[in-house]
PDB file of all heavy atoms in Angstrom:
ATOM      1  N   ALA A   1      29.886  -6.085  18.691  1.00  0.00           N
ATOM      2  CA  ALA A   1      29.426  -6.299  20.068  1.00  0.00           C
ATOM      3  C   ALA A   1      29.167  -7.783  20.337  1.00  0.00           C
ATOM      4  O   ALA A   1      29.525  -8.307  21.398  1.00  0.00           O
ATOM      5  CB  ALA A   1      28.157  -5.490  20.321  1.00  0.00           C
ATOM      6  N   ILE A   2      28.570  -8.459  19.366  1.00  0.00           N
ATOM      7  CA  ILE A   2      28.239  -9.882  19.543  1.00  0.00           C
ATOM      8  C   ILE A   2      29.508 -10.726  19.610  1.00  0.00           C
ATOM      9  O   ILE A   2      29.652 -11.600  20.467  1.00  0.00           O
ATOM     10  CB  ILE A   2      27.315 -10.355  18.407  1.00  0.00           C
ATOM     11  CG1 ILE A   2      25.931  -9.699  18.555  1.00  0.00           C
ATOM     12  CG2 ILE A   2      27.189 -11.871  18.398  1.00  0.00           C
ATOM     13  CD1 ILE A   2      25.023  -9.888  17.363  1.00  0.00           C
ATOM     14  N   LEU A   3      30.469 -10.459  18.723  1.00  0.00           N
ATOM     15  CA  LEU A   3      31.725 -11.216  18.744  1.00  0.00           C
ATOM     16  C   LEU A   3      32.511 -10.985  20.028  1.00  0.00           C
ATOM     17  O   LEU A   3      33.262 -11.850  20.474  1.00  0.00           O
ATOM     18  CB  LEU A   3      32.591 -10.827  17.541  1.00  0.00           C
ATOM     19  CG  LEU A   3      32.170 -11.381  16.181  1.00  0.00           C
ATOM     20  CD1 LEU A   3      33.064 -10.823  15.086  1.00  0.00           C
ATOM     21  CD2 LEU A   3      32.229 -12.903  16.173  1.00  0.00           C
ATOM     22  N   ALA A   4      32.319  -9.816  20.631  1.00  0.00           N
ATOM     23  CA  ALA A   4      33.007  -9.505  21.881  1.00  0.00           C
ATOM     24  C   ALA A   4      32.267 -10.067  23.091  1.00  0.00           C
ATOM     25  O   ALA A   4      32.625  -9.779  24.226  1.00  0.00           O
ATOM     26  CB  ALA A   4      33.170  -7.996  22.024  1.00  0.00           C
ATOM     27  N   GLY A   5      31.238 -10.875  22.842  1.00  0.00           N
ATOM     28  CA  GLY A   5      30.524 -11.535  23.928  1.00  0.00           C
ATOM     29  C   GLY A   5      29.308 -10.780  24.417  1.00  0.00           C
ATOM     30  O   GLY A   5      28.763 -11.110  25.472  1.00  0.00           O
ATOM     31  N   GLY A   6      28.856  -9.771  23.657  1.00  0.00           N
ATOM     32  CA  GLY A   6      27.745  -8.956  24.101  1.00  0.00           C
ATOM     33  C   GLY A   6      26.487  -9.151  23.285  1.00  0.00           C
ATOM     34  O   GLY A   6      26.291 -10.165  22.625  1.00  0.00           O
ATOM     35  N   TRP A   7      25.631  -8.128  23.311  1.00  0.00           N
ATOM     36  CA  TRP A   7      24.325  -8.168  22.675  1.00  0.00           C
ATOM     37  C   TRP A   7      24.109  -6.885  21.868  1.00  0.00           C
ATOM     38  O   TRP A   7      24.847  -5.912  22.016  1.00  0.00           O
ATOM     39  CB  TRP A   7      23.215  -8.263  23.726  1.00  0.00           C
ATOM     40  CG  TRP A   7      23.216  -9.516  24.523  1.00  0.00           C
ATOM     41  CD1 TRP A   7      22.519 -10.666  24.279  1.00  0.00           C
ATOM     42  CD2 TRP A   7      23.959  -9.766  25.725  1.00  0.00           C
ATOM     43  NE1 TRP A   7      22.779 -11.606  25.248  1.00  0.00           N
ATOM     44  CE2 TRP A   7      23.658 -11.091  26.152  1.00  0.00           C
ATOM     45  CE3 TRP A   7      24.849  -9.012  26.484  1.00  0.00           C
ATOM     46  CZ2 TRP A   7      24.220 -11.649  27.285  1.00  0.00           C
ATOM     47  CZ3 TRP A   7      25.414  -9.570  27.619  1.00  0.00           C
ATOM     48  CH2 TRP A   7      25.093 -10.883  28.010  1.00  0.00           C
ATOM     49  N   ALA A   8      23.070  -6.895  21.059  1.00  0.00           N
ATOM     50  CA  ALA A   8      22.705  -5.706  20.285  1.00  0.00           C
ATOM     51  C   ALA A   8      21.204  -5.691  20.060  1.00  0.00           C
ATOM     52  O   ALA A   8      20.526  -6.725  20.145  1.00  0.00           O
ATOM     53  CB  ALA A   8      23.445  -5.691  18.946  1.00  0.00           C
ATOM     54  N   ARG A   9      20.695  -4.497  19.796  1.00  0.00           N
ATOM     55  CA  ARG A   9      19.308  -4.325  19.362  1.00  0.00           C
ATOM     56  C   ARG A   9      19.259  -3.079  18.492  1.00  0.00           C
ATOM     57  O   ARG A   9      20.212  -2.291  18.458  1.00  0.00           O
ATOM     58  CB  ARG A   9      18.350  -4.226  20.546  1.00  0.00           C
ATOM     59  CG  ARG A   9      18.485  -2.983  21.419  1.00  0.00           C
ATOM     60  CD  ARG A   9      17.509  -3.071  22.587  1.00  0.00           C
ATOM     61  NE  ARG A   9      17.506  -1.869  23.410  1.00  0.00           N
ATOM     62  CZ  ARG A   9      16.752  -1.732  24.498  1.00  0.00           C
ATOM     63  NH1 ARG A   9      15.961  -2.733  24.889  1.00  0.00           N
ATOM     64  NH2 ARG A   9      16.776  -0.617  25.203  1.00  0.00           N
ATOM     65  N   ALA A  10      18.154  -2.882  17.759  1.00  0.00           N
ATOM     66  CA  ALA A  10      18.166  -1.813  16.761  1.00  0.00           C
ATOM     67  C   ALA A  10      16.779  -1.224  16.548  1.00  0.00           C
ATOM     68  O   ALA A  10      15.753  -1.891  16.766  1.00  0.00           O
ATOM     69  CB  ALA A  10      18.711  -2.342  15.438  1.00  0.00           C
ATOM     70  N   ALA A  11      16.766   0.026  16.105  1.00  0.00           N
ATOM     71  CA  ALA A  11      15.551   0.707  15.666  1.00  0.00           C
ATOM     72  C   ALA A  11      15.831   1.358  14.322  1.00  0.00           C
ATOM     73  O   ALA A  11      16.893   1.954  14.115  1.00  0.00           O
ATOM     74  CB  ALA A  11      15.111   1.761  16.685  1.00  0.00           C
ATOM     75  N   LEU A  12      14.904   1.230  13.391  1.00  0.00           N
ATOM     76  CA  LEU A  12      14.949   1.936  12.115  1.00  0.00           C
ATOM     77  C   LEU A  12      13.957   3.090  12.189  1.00  0.00           C
ATOM     78  O   LEU A  12      12.868   2.940  12.738  1.00  0.00           O
ATOM     79  CB  LEU A  12      14.562   1.012  10.958  1.00  0.00           C
ATOM     80  CG  LEU A  12      15.280  -0.338  10.853  1.00  0.00           C
ATOM     81  CD1 LEU A  12      14.743  -1.114   9.655  1.00  0.00           C
ATOM     82  CD2 LEU A  12      16.778  -0.153  10.744  1.00  0.00           C
ATOM     83  N   TYR A  13      14.335   4.249  11.647  1.00  0.00           N
ATOM     84  CA  TYR A  13      13.413   5.370  11.758  1.00  0.00           C
ATOM     85  C   TYR A  13      13.462   6.261  10.521  1.00  0.00           C
ATOM     86  O   TYR A  13      14.454   6.346   9.814  1.00  0.00           O
ATOM     87  CB  TYR A  13      13.725   6.197  13.012  1.00  0.00           C
ATOM     88  CG  TYR A  13      14.975   7.049  12.921  1.00  0.00           C
ATOM     89  CD1 TYR A  13      14.909   8.377  12.499  1.00  0.00           C
ATOM     90  CD2 TYR A  13      16.222   6.530  13.244  1.00  0.00           C
ATOM     91  CE1 TYR A  13      16.046   9.167  12.409  1.00  0.00           C
ATOM     92  CE2 TYR A  13      17.365   7.314  13.167  1.00  0.00           C
ATOM     93  CZ  TYR A  13      17.272   8.633  12.741  1.00  0.00           C
ATOM     94  OH  TYR A  13      18.406   9.398  12.647  1.00  0.00           O
ATOM     95  N   SER A  14      12.340   6.895  10.262  1.00  0.00           N
ATOM     96  CA  SER A  14      12.229   8.013   9.321  1.00  0.00           C
ATOM     97  C   SER A  14      11.072   8.864   9.845  1.00  0.00           C
ATOM     98  O   SER A  14      11.196   9.449  10.911  1.00  0.00           O
ATOM     99  CB  SER A  14      11.999   7.520   7.893  1.00  0.00           C
ATOM    100  OG  SER A  14      10.789   6.810   7.807  1.00  0.00           O
ATOM    101  N   ASP A  15       9.909   8.903   9.142  1.00  0.00           N
ATOM    102  CA  ASP A  15       8.772   9.610   9.716  1.00  0.00           C
ATOM    103  C   ASP A  15       7.991   8.726  10.679  1.00  0.00           C
ATOM    104  O   ASP A  15       7.088   9.190  11.377  1.00  0.00           O
ATOM    105  CB  ASP A  15       7.852  10.154   8.614  1.00  0.00           C
ATOM    106  CG  ASP A  15       7.479   9.088   7.599  1.00  0.00           C
ATOM    107  OD1 ASP A  15       7.882   7.929   7.774  1.00  0.00           O
ATOM    108  OD2 ASP A  15       6.787   9.432   6.621  1.00  0.00           O
ATOM    109  N   THR A  16       8.333   7.443  10.712  1.00  0.00           N
ATOM    110  CA  THR A  16       7.866   6.520  11.743  1.00  0.00           C
ATOM    111  C   THR A  16       9.061   5.646  12.107  1.00  0.00           C
ATOM    112  O   THR A  16      10.175   5.913  11.657  1.00  0.00           O
ATOM    113  CB  THR A  16       6.678   5.669  11.251  1.00  0.00           C
ATOM    114  OG1 THR A  16       6.205   4.850  12.324  1.00  0.00           O
ATOM    115  CG2 THR A  16       7.085   4.777  10.080  1.00  0.00           C
ATOM    116  N   HIS A  17       8.880   4.618  12.926  1.00  0.00           N
ATOM    117  CA  HIS A  17      10.031   3.794  13.260  1.00  0.00           C
ATOM    118  C   HIS A  17       9.614   2.351  13.522  1.00  0.00           C
ATOM    119  O   HIS A  17       8.468   2.065  13.872  1.00  0.00           O
ATOM    120  CB  HIS A  17      10.794   4.363  14.466  1.00  0.00           C
ATOM    121  CG  HIS A  17      10.059   4.270  15.770  1.00  0.00           C
ATOM    122  ND1 HIS A  17       9.102   5.180  16.138  1.00  0.00           N
ATOM    123  CD2 HIS A  17      10.155   3.380  16.788  1.00  0.00           C
ATOM    124  CE1 HIS A  17       8.626   4.864  17.331  1.00  0.00           C
ATOM    125  NE2 HIS A  17       9.242   3.776  17.746  1.00  0.00           N
ATOM    126  N   LEU A  18      10.568   1.454  13.308  1.00  0.00           N
ATOM    127  CA  LEU A  18      10.421   0.031  13.596  1.00  0.00           C
ATOM    128  C   LEU A  18      11.486  -0.364  14.601  1.00  0.00           C
ATOM    129  O   LEU A  18      12.591   0.177  14.593  1.00  0.00           O
ATOM    130  CB  LEU A  18      10.602  -0.807  12.318  1.00  0.00           C
ATOM    131  CG  LEU A  18       9.661  -0.542  11.141  1.00  0.00           C
ATOM    132  CD1 LEU A  18      10.125  -1.346   9.929  1.00  0.00           C
ATOM    133  CD2 LEU A  18       8.233  -0.926  11.510  1.00  0.00           C
ATOM    134  N   GLU A  19      11.159  -1.305  15.472  1.00  0.00           N
ATOM    135  CA  GLU A  19      12.111  -1.706  16.507  1.00  0.00           C
ATOM    136  C   GLU A  19      12.297  -3.213  16.542  1.00  0.00           C
ATOM    137  O   GLU A  19      11.336  -3.969  16.377  1.00  0.00           O
ATOM    138  CB  GLU A  19      11.628  -1.259  17.897  1.00  0.00           C
ATOM    139  CG  GLU A  19      11.463   0.228  18.068  1.00  0.00           C
ATOM    140  CD  GLU A  19      10.821   0.570  19.394  1.00  0.00           C
ATOM    141  OE1 GLU A  19      10.562  -0.371  20.191  1.00  0.00           O
ATOM    142  OE2 GLU A  19      10.568   1.759  19.655  1.00  0.00           O
ATOM    143  N   HIS A  20      13.534  -3.636  16.706  1.00  0.00           N
ATOM    144  CA  HIS A  20      13.822  -4.985  17.195  1.00  0.00           C
ATOM    145  C   HIS A  20      14.444  -4.759  18.560  1.00  0.00           C
ATOM    146  O   HIS A  20      15.652  -4.617  18.691  1.00  0.00           O
ATOM    147  CB  HIS A  20      14.781  -5.737  16.273  1.00  0.00           C
ATOM    148  CG  HIS A  20      14.968  -7.176  16.679  1.00  0.00           C
ATOM    149  ND1 HIS A  20      15.716  -7.538  17.784  1.00  0.00           N
ATOM    150  CD2 HIS A  20      14.475  -8.321  16.169  1.00  0.00           C
ATOM    151  CE1 HIS A  20      15.685  -8.852  17.914  1.00  0.00           C
ATOM    152  NE2 HIS A  20      14.941  -9.345  16.951  1.00  0.00           N
ATOM    153  N   TRP A  21      13.594  -4.691  19.588  1.00  0.00           N
ATOM    154  CA  TRP A  21      14.011  -4.148  20.872  1.00  0.00           C
ATOM    155  C   TRP A  21      14.367  -5.216  21.889  1.00  0.00           C
ATOM    156  O   TRP A  21      14.644  -4.912  23.052  1.00  0.00           O
ATOM    157  CB  TRP A  21      12.944  -3.205  21.418  1.00  0.00           C
ATOM    158  CG  TRP A  21      13.484  -1.916  21.957  1.00  0.00           C
ATOM    159  CD1 TRP A  21      13.175  -1.337  23.146  1.00  0.00           C
ATOM    160  CD2 TRP A  21      14.432  -1.035  21.332  1.00  0.00           C
ATOM    161  NE1 TRP A  21      13.865  -0.153  23.304  1.00  0.00           N
ATOM    162  CE2 TRP A  21      14.643   0.052  22.198  1.00  0.00           C
ATOM    163  CE3 TRP A  21      15.138  -1.067  20.124  1.00  0.00           C
ATOM    164  CZ2 TRP A  21      15.518   1.101  21.911  1.00  0.00           C
ATOM    165  CZ3 TRP A  21      15.995  -0.039  19.832  1.00  0.00           C
ATOM    166  CH2 TRP A  21      16.184   1.025  20.723  1.00  0.00           C
ATOM    167  N   SER A  22      14.348  -6.481  21.490  1.00  0.00           N
ATOM    168  CA  SER A  22      14.828  -7.555  22.358  1.00  0.00           C
ATOM    169  C   SER A  22      16.333  -7.694  22.138  1.00  0.00           C
ATOM    170  O   SER A  22      16.790  -7.805  20.995  1.00  0.00           O
ATOM    171  CB  SER A  22      14.133  -8.883  22.032  1.00  0.00           C
ATOM    172  OG  SER A  22      12.748  -8.789  22.253  1.00  0.00           O
ATOM    173  N   TRP A  23      17.103  -7.698  23.225  1.00  0.00           N
ATOM    174  CA  TRP A  23      18.548  -7.883  23.085  1.00  0.00           C
ATOM    175  C   TRP A  23      18.822  -9.253  22.495  1.00  0.00           C
ATOM    176  O   TRP A  23      18.227 -10.252  22.912  1.00  0.00           O
ATOM    177  CB  TRP A  23      19.230  -7.758  24.444  1.00  0.00           C
ATOM    178  CG  TRP A  23      19.174  -6.381  25.024  1.00  0.00           C
ATOM    179  CD1 TRP A  23      18.389  -5.944  26.046  1.00  0.00           C
ATOM    180  CD2 TRP A  23      19.936  -5.241  24.597  1.00  0.00           C
ATOM    181  NE1 TRP A  23      18.595  -4.612  26.285  1.00  0.00           N
ATOM    182  CE2 TRP A  23      19.543  -4.144  25.420  1.00  0.00           C
ATOM    183  CE3 TRP A  23      20.897  -5.032  23.613  1.00  0.00           C
ATOM    184  CZ2 TRP A  23      20.089  -2.874  25.281  1.00  0.00           C
ATOM    185  CZ3 TRP A  23      21.440  -3.766  23.468  1.00  0.00           C
ATOM    186  CH2 TRP A  23      21.043  -2.707  24.295  1.00  0.00           C
ATOM    187  N   THR A  24      19.685  -9.314  21.509  1.00  0.00           N
ATOM    188  CA  THR A  24      19.971 -10.575  20.840  1.00  0.00           C
ATOM    189  C   THR A  24      21.461 -10.733  20.574  1.00  0.00           C
ATOM    190  O   THR A  24      22.191  -9.740  20.466  1.00  0.00           O
ATOM    191  CB  THR A  24      19.202 -10.673  19.504  1.00  0.00           C
ATOM    192  OG1 THR A  24      19.468 -11.944  18.889  1.00  0.00           O
ATOM    193  CG2 THR A  24      19.614  -9.576  18.533  1.00  0.00           C
ATOM    194  N   ARG A  25      21.895 -12.002  20.477  1.00  0.00           N
ATOM    195  CA  ARG A  25      23.254 -12.313  20.067  1.00  0.00           C
ATOM    196  C   ARG A  25      23.251 -12.996  18.701  1.00  0.00           C
ATOM    197  O   ARG A  25      24.256 -13.570  18.299  1.00  0.00           O
ATOM    198  CB  ARG A  25      23.924 -13.221  21.105  1.00  0.00           C
ATOM    199  CG  ARG A  25      24.065 -12.563  22.482  1.00  0.00           C
ATOM    200  CD  ARG A  25      25.105 -13.243  23.318  1.00  0.00           C
ATOM    201  NE  ARG A  25      26.408 -13.110  22.692  1.00  0.00           N
ATOM    202  CZ  ARG A  25      27.388 -14.011  22.784  1.00  0.00           C
ATOM    203  NH1 ARG A  25      27.187 -15.123  23.454  1.00  0.00           N
ATOM    204  NH2 ARG A  25      28.544 -13.797  22.199  1.00  0.00           N
ATOM    205  N   SER A  26      22.133 -12.899  18.000  1.00  0.00           N
ATOM    206  CA  SER A  26      22.000 -13.524  16.683  1.00  0.00           C
ATOM    207  C   SER A  26      22.279 -12.510  15.578  1.00  0.00           C
ATOM    208  O   SER A  26      21.494 -11.578  15.367  1.00  0.00           O
ATOM    209  CB  SER A  26      20.595 -14.106  16.511  1.00  0.00           C
ATOM    210  OG  SER A  26      20.400 -14.540  15.172  1.00  0.00           O
ATOM    211  N   GLU A  27      23.382 -12.683  14.873  1.00  0.00           N
ATOM    212  CA  GLU A  27      23.688 -11.810  13.736  1.00  0.00           C
ATOM    213  C   GLU A  27      22.628 -11.957  12.643  1.00  0.00           C
ATOM    214  O   GLU A  27      22.260 -10.982  11.985  1.00  0.00           O
ATOM    215  CB  GLU A  27      25.061 -12.154  13.163  1.00  0.00           C
ATOM    216  CG  GLU A  27      26.221 -11.895  14.109  1.00  0.00           C
ATOM    217  CD  GLU A  27      27.546 -12.278  13.478  1.00  0.00           C
ATOM    218  OE1 GLU A  27      27.777 -11.900  12.312  1.00  0.00           O
ATOM    219  OE2 GLU A  27      28.344 -12.962  14.144  1.00  0.00           O
ATOM    220  N   GLN A  28      22.126 -13.173  12.458  1.00  0.00           N
ATOM    221  CA  GLN A  28      21.154 -13.431  11.400  1.00  0.00           C
ATOM    222  C   GLN A  28      19.857 -12.668  11.655  1.00  0.00           C
ATOM    223  O   GLN A  28      19.290 -12.061  10.742  1.00  0.00           O
ATOM    224  CB  GLN A  28      20.879 -14.929  11.293  1.00  0.00           C
ATOM    225  CG  GLN A  28      19.974 -15.311  10.139  1.00  0.00           C
ATOM    226  CD  GLN A  28      19.776 -16.807  10.046  1.00  0.00           C
ATOM    227  OE1 GLN A  28      19.657 -17.484  11.073  1.00  0.00           O
ATOM    228  NE2 GLN A  28      19.735 -17.331   8.841  1.00  0.00           N
ATOM    229  N   VAL A  29      19.396 -12.691  12.899  1.00  0.00           N
ATOM    230  CA  VAL A  29      18.157 -12.003  13.242  1.00  0.00           C
ATOM    231  C   VAL A  29      18.287 -10.499  13.006  1.00  0.00           C
ATOM    232  O   VAL A  29      17.424  -9.868  12.383  1.00  0.00           O
ATOM    233  CB  VAL A  29      17.779 -12.286  14.717  1.00  0.00           C
ATOM    234  CG1 VAL A  29      16.679 -11.336  15.189  1.00  0.00           C
ATOM    235  CG2 VAL A  29      17.329 -13.729  14.878  1.00  0.00           C
ATOM    236  N   LEU A  30      19.398  -9.906  13.477  1.00  0.00           N
ATOM    237  CA  LEU A  30      19.583  -8.471  13.297  1.00  0.00           C
ATOM    238  C   LEU A  30      19.802  -8.109  11.833  1.00  0.00           C
ATOM    239  O   LEU A  30      19.345  -7.063  11.363  1.00  0.00           O
ATOM    240  CB  LEU A  30      20.762  -7.985  14.135  1.00  0.00           C
ATOM    241  CG  LEU A  30      20.443  -7.621  15.588  1.00  0.00           C
ATOM    242  CD1 LEU A  30      21.693  -7.150  16.308  1.00  0.00           C
ATOM    243  CD2 LEU A  30      19.356  -6.570  15.677  1.00  0.00           C
ATOM    244  N   SER A  31      20.501  -8.964  11.099  1.00  0.00           N
ATOM    245  CA  SER A  31      20.734  -8.695   9.676  1.00  0.00           C
ATOM    246  C   SER A  31      19.411  -8.597   8.928  1.00  0.00           C
ATOM    247  O   SER A  31      19.202  -7.688   8.109  1.00  0.00           O
ATOM    248  CB  SER A  31      21.609  -9.793   9.064  1.00  0.00           C
ATOM    249  OG  SER A  31      22.884  -9.810   9.650  1.00  0.00           O
ATOM    250  N   ARG A  32      18.518  -9.531   9.194  1.00  0.00           N
ATOM    251  CA  ARG A  32      17.223  -9.511   8.524  1.00  0.00           C
ATOM    252  C   ARG A  32      16.440  -8.255   8.873  1.00  0.00           C
ATOM    253  O   ARG A  32      15.798  -7.644   8.014  1.00  0.00           O
ATOM    254  CB  ARG A  32      16.417 -10.761   8.915  1.00  0.00           C
ATOM    255  CG  ARG A  32      16.944 -12.053   8.291  1.00  0.00           C
ATOM    256  CD  ARG A  32      16.179 -13.250   8.814  1.00  0.00           C
ATOM    257  NE  ARG A  32      16.618 -14.486   8.169  1.00  0.00           N
ATOM    258  CZ  ARG A  32      16.242 -15.708   8.543  1.00  0.00           C
ATOM    259  NH1 ARG A  32      15.412 -15.845   9.563  1.00  0.00           N
ATOM    260  NH2 ARG A  32      16.676 -16.761   7.906  1.00  0.00           N
ATOM    261  N   PHE A  33      16.492  -7.871  10.135  1.00  0.00           N
ATOM    262  CA  PHE A  33      15.759  -6.675  10.555  1.00  0.00           C
ATOM    263  C   PHE A  33      16.332  -5.415   9.907  1.00  0.00           C
ATOM    264  O   PHE A  33      15.591  -4.557   9.422  1.00  0.00           O
ATOM    265  CB  PHE A  33      15.798  -6.544  12.075  1.00  0.00           C
ATOM    266  CG  PHE A  33      15.167  -5.265  12.563  1.00  0.00           C
ATOM    267  CD1 PHE A  33      13.791  -5.104  12.553  1.00  0.00           C
ATOM    268  CD2 PHE A  33      15.961  -4.209  13.005  1.00  0.00           C
ATOM    269  CE1 PHE A  33      13.209  -3.912  12.978  1.00  0.00           C
ATOM    270  CE2 PHE A  33      15.386  -3.013  13.428  1.00  0.00           C
ATOM    271  CZ  PHE A  33      14.000  -2.867  13.415  1.00  0.00           C
ATOM    272  N   LEU A  34      17.660  -5.282   9.898  1.00  0.00           N
ATOM    273  CA  LEU A  34      18.291  -4.065   9.383  1.00  0.00           C
ATOM    274  C   LEU A  34      18.118  -3.905   7.873  1.00  0.00           C
ATOM    275  O   LEU A  34      18.379  -2.828   7.338  1.00  0.00           O
ATOM    276  CB  LEU A  34      19.778  -4.052   9.748  1.00  0.00           C
ATOM    277  CG  LEU A  34      20.086  -3.833  11.237  1.00  0.00           C
ATOM    278  CD1 LEU A  34      21.572  -4.021  11.516  1.00  0.00           C
ATOM    279  CD2 LEU A  34      19.641  -2.441  11.681  1.00  0.00           C
ATOM    280  N   LEU A  35      17.702  -4.938   7.183  1.00  0.00           N
ATOM    281  CA  LEU A  35      17.480  -4.840   5.738  1.00  0.00           C
ATOM    282  C   LEU A  35      16.097  -4.282   5.400  1.00  0.00           C
ATOM    283  O   LEU A  35      15.758  -4.156   4.226  1.00  0.00           O
ATOM    284  CB  LEU A  35      17.668  -6.208   5.079  1.00  0.00           C
ATOM    285  CG  LEU A  35      19.127  -6.669   4.977  1.00  0.00           C
ATOM    286  CD1 LEU A  35      19.198  -8.106   4.467  1.00  0.00           C
ATOM    287  CD2 LEU A  35      19.931  -5.751   4.062  1.00  0.00           C
ATOM    288  N   HIS A  36      15.296  -3.940   6.415  1.00  0.00           N
ATOM    289  CA  HIS A  36      14.027  -3.270   6.162  1.00  0.00           C
ATOM    290  C   HIS A  36      14.277  -1.803   5.798  1.00  0.00           C
ATOM    291  O   HIS A  36      15.356  -1.264   6.041  1.00  0.00           O
ATOM    292  CB  HIS A  36      13.117  -3.349   7.390  1.00  0.00           C
ATOM    293  CG  HIS A  36      12.528  -4.713   7.625  1.00  0.00           C
ATOM    294  ND1 HIS A  36      13.218  -5.719   8.247  1.00  0.00           N
ATOM    295  CD2 HIS A  36      11.305  -5.231   7.317  1.00  0.00           C
ATOM    296  CE1 HIS A  36      12.470  -6.803   8.315  1.00  0.00           C
ATOM    297  NE2 HIS A  36      11.307  -6.529   7.759  1.00  0.00           N
ATOM    298  N   TYR A  37      13.282  -1.184   5.237  1.00  0.00           N
ATOM    299  CA  TYR A  37      13.401   0.208   4.794  1.00  0.00           C
ATOM    300  C   TYR A  37      12.054   0.893   4.975  1.00  0.00           C
ATOM    301  O   TYR A  37      11.001   0.277   4.765  1.00  0.00           O
ATOM    302  CB  TYR A  37      13.825   0.253   3.325  1.00  0.00           C
ATOM    303  CG  TYR A  37      14.080   1.638   2.775  1.00  0.00           C
ATOM    304  CD1 TYR A  37      15.243   2.334   3.096  1.00  0.00           C
ATOM    305  CD2 TYR A  37      13.147   2.253   1.937  1.00  0.00           C
ATOM    306  CE1 TYR A  37      15.480   3.602   2.596  1.00  0.00           C
ATOM    307  CE2 TYR A  37      13.386   3.519   1.418  1.00  0.00           C
ATOM    308  CZ  TYR A  37      14.553   4.183   1.756  1.00  0.00           C
ATOM    309  OH  TYR A  37      14.792   5.444   1.256  1.00  0.00           O
ATOM    310  N   ILE A  38      12.079   2.173   5.391  1.00  0.00           N
ATOM    311  CA  ILE A  38      10.838   2.898   5.634  1.00  0.00           C
ATOM    312  C   ILE A  38      10.617   3.977   4.591  1.00  0.00           C
ATOM    313  O   ILE A  38       9.565   4.077   3.978  1.00  0.00           O
ATOM    314  CB  ILE A  38      10.831   3.512   7.051  1.00  0.00           C
ATOM    315  CG1 ILE A  38      11.011   2.422   8.107  1.00  0.00           C
ATOM    316  CG2 ILE A  38       9.521   4.262   7.298  1.00  0.00           C
ATOM    317  CD1 ILE A  38      11.143   2.950   9.521  1.00  0.00           C
ATOM    318  N   GLY A  39      11.627   4.841   4.361  1.00  0.00           N
ATOM    319  CA  GLY A  39      11.469   5.952   3.431  1.00  0.00           C
ATOM    320  C   GLY A  39      10.741   7.124   4.088  1.00  0.00           C
ATOM    321  O   GLY A  39      10.414   7.094   5.274  1.00  0.00           O
ATOM    322  N   GLY A  40      10.488   8.191   3.333  1.00  0.00           N
ATOM    323  CA  GLY A  40       9.786   9.347   3.874  1.00  0.00           C
ATOM    324  C   GLY A  40      10.738  10.330   4.548  1.00  0.00           C
ATOM    325  O   GLY A  40      11.950  10.309   4.320  1.00  0.00           O
ATOM    326  N   GLY A  41      10.186  11.198   5.399  1.00  0.00           N
ATOM    327  CA  GLY A  41      10.973  12.217   6.072  1.00  0.00           C
ATOM    328  C   GLY A  41      11.773  11.651   7.235  1.00  0.00           C
ATOM    329  O   GLY A  41      11.711  10.464   7.542  1.00  0.00           O
ATOM    330  N   THR A  42      12.534  12.539   7.896  1.00  0.00           N
ATOM    331  CA  THR A  42      13.408  12.122   8.989  1.00  0.00           C
ATOM    332  C   THR A  42      12.866  12.663  10.306  1.00  0.00           C
ATOM    333  O   THR A  42      12.768  13.877  10.483  1.00  0.00           O
ATOM    334  CB  THR A  42      14.838  12.647   8.784  1.00  0.00           C
ATOM    335  OG1 THR A  42      15.319  12.210   7.512  1.00  0.00           O
ATOM    336  CG2 THR A  42      15.758  12.131   9.872  1.00  0.00           C
ATOM    337  N   ARG A  43      12.521  11.762  11.220  1.00  0.00           N
ATOM    338  CA  ARG A  43      12.078  12.171  12.548  1.00  0.00           C
ATOM    339  C   ARG A  43      12.632  11.176  13.564  1.00  0.00           C
ATOM    340  O   ARG A  43      12.125  10.071  13.699  1.00  0.00           O
ATOM    341  CB  ARG A  43      10.555  12.242  12.626  1.00  0.00           C
ATOM    342  CG  ARG A  43      10.049  12.863  13.936  1.00  0.00           C
ATOM    343  CD  ARG A  43       8.554  13.135  13.919  1.00  0.00           C
ATOM    344  NE  ARG A  43       7.768  11.926  14.027  1.00  0.00           N
ATOM    345  CZ  ARG A  43       6.971  11.451  13.081  1.00  0.00           C
ATOM    346  NH1 ARG A  43       6.889  12.071  11.913  1.00  0.00           N
ATOM    347  NH2 ARG A  43       6.264  10.354  13.271  1.00  0.00           N
ATOM    348  N   PHE A  44      13.685  11.577  14.266  1.00  0.00           N
ATOM    349  CA  PHE A  44      14.313  10.678  15.222  1.00  0.00           C
ATOM    350  C   PHE A  44      13.352  10.369  16.372  1.00  0.00           C
ATOM    351  O   PHE A  44      12.700  11.273  16.905  1.00  0.00           O
ATOM    352  CB  PHE A  44      15.591  11.305  15.781  1.00  0.00           C
ATOM    353  CG  PHE A  44      16.342  10.398  16.716  1.00  0.00           C
ATOM    354  CD1 PHE A  44      17.205   9.432  16.209  1.00  0.00           C
ATOM    355  CD2 PHE A  44      16.171  10.490  18.084  1.00  0.00           C
ATOM    356  CE1 PHE A  44      17.884   8.580  17.059  1.00  0.00           C
ATOM    357  CE2 PHE A  44      16.842   9.645  18.948  1.00  0.00           C
ATOM    358  CZ  PHE A  44      17.700   8.685  18.432  1.00  0.00           C
ATOM    359  N   PRO A  45      13.275   9.087  16.798  1.00  0.00           N
ATOM    360  CA  PRO A  45      12.326   8.679  17.845  1.00  0.00           C
ATOM    361  C   PRO A  45      12.844   8.989  19.252  1.00  0.00           C
ATOM    362  O   PRO A  45      13.294   8.101  19.986  1.00  0.00           O
ATOM    363  CB  PRO A  45      12.188   7.175  17.612  1.00  0.00           C
ATOM    364  CG  PRO A  45      13.504   6.754  17.051  1.00  0.00           C
ATOM    365  CD  PRO A  45      13.972   7.922  16.211  1.00  0.00           C
TER     366      PRO A  45
END
């Protein structure tokens, strides 16, 4: 999406969730966020 001129944002979830909810065009920022981990059960937000 970023290479095509757009933006992205992400949420990680399990029994709780984390968000990077600001739209960004930074691959580095999203990469760092997506490397987090929660563990536990699965509960979609």
